[in-house]
Amino acid sequence: QVQLVESGGGLVQPGGSLSLSCAASGSIFSIYAMGWYRQAPGKQRELVAVISSGGSTNYADSVKGRFTISRDNAKNTVYLQMNSLKPEDTAVYYCNVLVGGLGDYWGKGTLVTVSS
């Protein structure tokens, strides 16, 4: 089994910054992709950013240039640095990891609210 623990959500004003982290633990031999998704009220869950084991990244167009995804393979942790936040970034953010031989796992989510 694999456990994911997310942290870093909260309330921030428009234009502000917030950093999320997600640490994976358990029976992990190798982690392939790690990513962040979000789901706003009344909307479907969408990809925010993903990073491969080799460090290649992919971002949703809506966050390019504002968000940065990174990972620490030694700590099995993925980060999401969010800058220039907008009210439309308000959502529950979910961590997702693809673990070799076990499949993909989801975190419980952390709420990010961008409001003045």
Protein backbone atom coordinates (compact mmCIF):
# COMPACT_ATOMS: atom_id res chain seq x y z
CA GLN A 1 0.00 0.00 0.00
CA VAL A 2 0.99 3.58 -0.64
CA GLN A 3 0.00 6.58 1.45
CA LEU A 4 0.05 10.17 0.23
CA VAL A 5 0.11 13.10 2.61
CA GLU A 6 -0.59 16.53 1.15
CA SER A 7 0.05 19.83 2.84
CA GLY A 8 0.18 23.52 2.10
CA GLY A 9 -3.34 24.53 1.14
CA GLY A 10 -5.07 27.57 2.54
CA LEU A 11 -6.43 31.02 1.87
CA VAL A 12 -4.43 33.53 -0.16
CA GLN A 13 -5.19 36.85 -1.76
CA PRO A 14 -5.19 37.28 -5.54
CA GLY A 15 -1.65 37.75 -6.76
CA GLY A 16 -0.25 35.84 -3.84
CA SER A 17 1.72 32.62 -3.65
CA LEU A 18 1.24 29.24 -2.08
CA SER A 19 3.26 26.04 -2.05
CA LEU A 20 1.88 22.52 -1.89
CA SER A 21 3.72 19.33 -1.09
CA CYS A 22 2.82 15.67 -1.26
CA ALA A 23 4.88 12.94 0.37
CA ALA A 24 4.46 9.30 -0.61
CA SER A 25 5.26 6.46 1.76
CA GLY A 26 4.74 2.73 1.96
CA SER A 27 5.75 -0.17 -0.24
CA ILE A 28 7.43 1.92 -2.90
CA PHE A 29 10.14 0.55 -5.14
CA SER A 30 9.93 3.22 -7.78
CA ILE A 31 7.68 6.14 -8.64
CA TYR A 32 7.11 7.06 -12.23
CA ALA A 33 5.04 10.17 -12.78
CA MET A 34 3.91 12.50 -10.01
CA GLY A 35 1.33 15.17 -10.54
CA TRP A 36 -1.22 17.60 -9.26
CA TYR A 37 -4.86 17.80 -10.29
CA ARG A 38 -7.58 20.15 -9.12
CA GLN A 39 -11.32 20.18 -8.92
CA ALA A 40 -13.30 23.40 -8.59
CA PRO A 41 -16.91 23.39 -7.35
CA GLY A 42 -19.22 22.13 -10.05
CA LYS A 43 -16.38 21.23 -12.40
CA GLN A 44 -14.54 18.09 -13.39
CA ARG A 45 -11.13 17.25 -12.02
CA GLU A 46 -8.41 18.56 -14.31
CA LEU A 47 -4.68 18.14 -14.67
CA VAL A 48 -2.61 21.01 -13.30
CA ALA A 49 0.93 19.73 -13.74
CA VAL A 50 2.83 16.48 -13.99
CA ILE A 51 6.49 15.56 -13.70
CA SER A 52 8.15 12.36 -14.87
CA SER A 53 10.80 10.40 -13.03
CA GLY A 54 13.35 12.03 -15.29
CA GLY A 55 12.14 15.54 -14.54
CA SER A 56 10.13 16.28 -17.68
CA THR A 57 7.17 18.50 -16.91
CA ASN A 58 3.82 19.29 -18.44
CA TYR A 59 1.41 22.03 -17.40
CA ALA A 60 -2.15 23.03 -18.07
CA ASP A 61 -2.25 26.11 -20.27
CA SER A 62 -4.07 28.02 -17.54
CA VAL A 63 -1.13 27.74 -15.12
CA LYS A 64 1.88 27.94 -17.43
CA GLY A 65 4.32 30.59 -16.30
CA ARG A 66 2.70 30.83 -12.85
CA PHE A 67 3.01 27.33 -11.35
CA THR A 68 6.12 25.18 -11.02
CA ILE A 69 6.12 21.47 -10.27
CA SER A 70 9.19 19.75 -8.85
CA ARG A 71 10.05 16.54 -7.06
CA ASP A 72 12.57 15.12 -4.63
CA ASN A 73 13.07 11.49 -5.55
CA ALA A 74 15.01 10.73 -2.38
CA LYS A 75 12.03 11.85 -0.32
CA ASN A 76 9.32 10.56 -2.70
CA THR A 77 7.84 14.04 -2.55
CA VAL A 78 6.32 16.28 -5.19
CA TYR A 79 5.87 20.02 -4.84
CA LEU A 80 3.76 22.65 -6.53
CA GLN A 81 4.81 26.27 -6.26
CA MET A 82 1.91 28.52 -7.20
CA ASN A 83 2.53 32.19 -7.92
CA SER A 84 0.33 35.02 -9.18
CA LEU A 85 -2.72 33.16 -7.96
CA LYS A 86 -6.11 34.04 -9.37
CA PRO A 87 -9.61 33.49 -7.98
CA GLU A 88 -10.16 30.90 -10.72
CA ASP A 89 -7.36 28.83 -9.19
CA THR A 90 -9.64 28.14 -6.23
CA ALA A 91 -10.14 24.39 -6.00
CA VAL A 92 -9.31 21.25 -4.11
CA TYR A 93 -5.86 20.16 -5.24
CA TYR A 94 -5.09 16.46 -5.40
CA CYS A 95 -1.74 14.74 -5.58
CA ASN A 96 -1.40 11.73 -7.87
CA VAL A 97 1.52 9.32 -8.15
CA LEU A 98 2.13 6.37 -10.45
CA VAL A 99 4.00 3.69 -8.53
CA GLY A 100 5.83 0.95 -10.35
CA GLY A 101 4.05 -2.39 -10.04
CA LEU A 102 1.22 -0.97 -7.93
CA GLY A 103 -0.65 1.54 -10.05
CA ASP A 104 -1.65 5.09 -9.35
CA TYR A 105 -2.70 6.62 -6.06
CA TRP A 106 -4.54 9.77 -5.05
CA GLY A 107 -4.17 12.01 -2.06
CA LYS A 108 -7.20 13.18 -0.10
CA GLY A 109 -6.91 16.71 -1.43
CA THR A 110 -6.06 20.09 0.00
CA LEU A 111 -8.21 23.19 -0.45
CA VAL A 112 -6.74 26.29 -2.04
CA THR A 113 -8.89 29.41 -1.84
CA VAL A 114 -7.89 32.58 -3.67
CA SER A 115 -9.97 35.48 -2.45
CA SER A 116 -9.67 39.01 -1.17
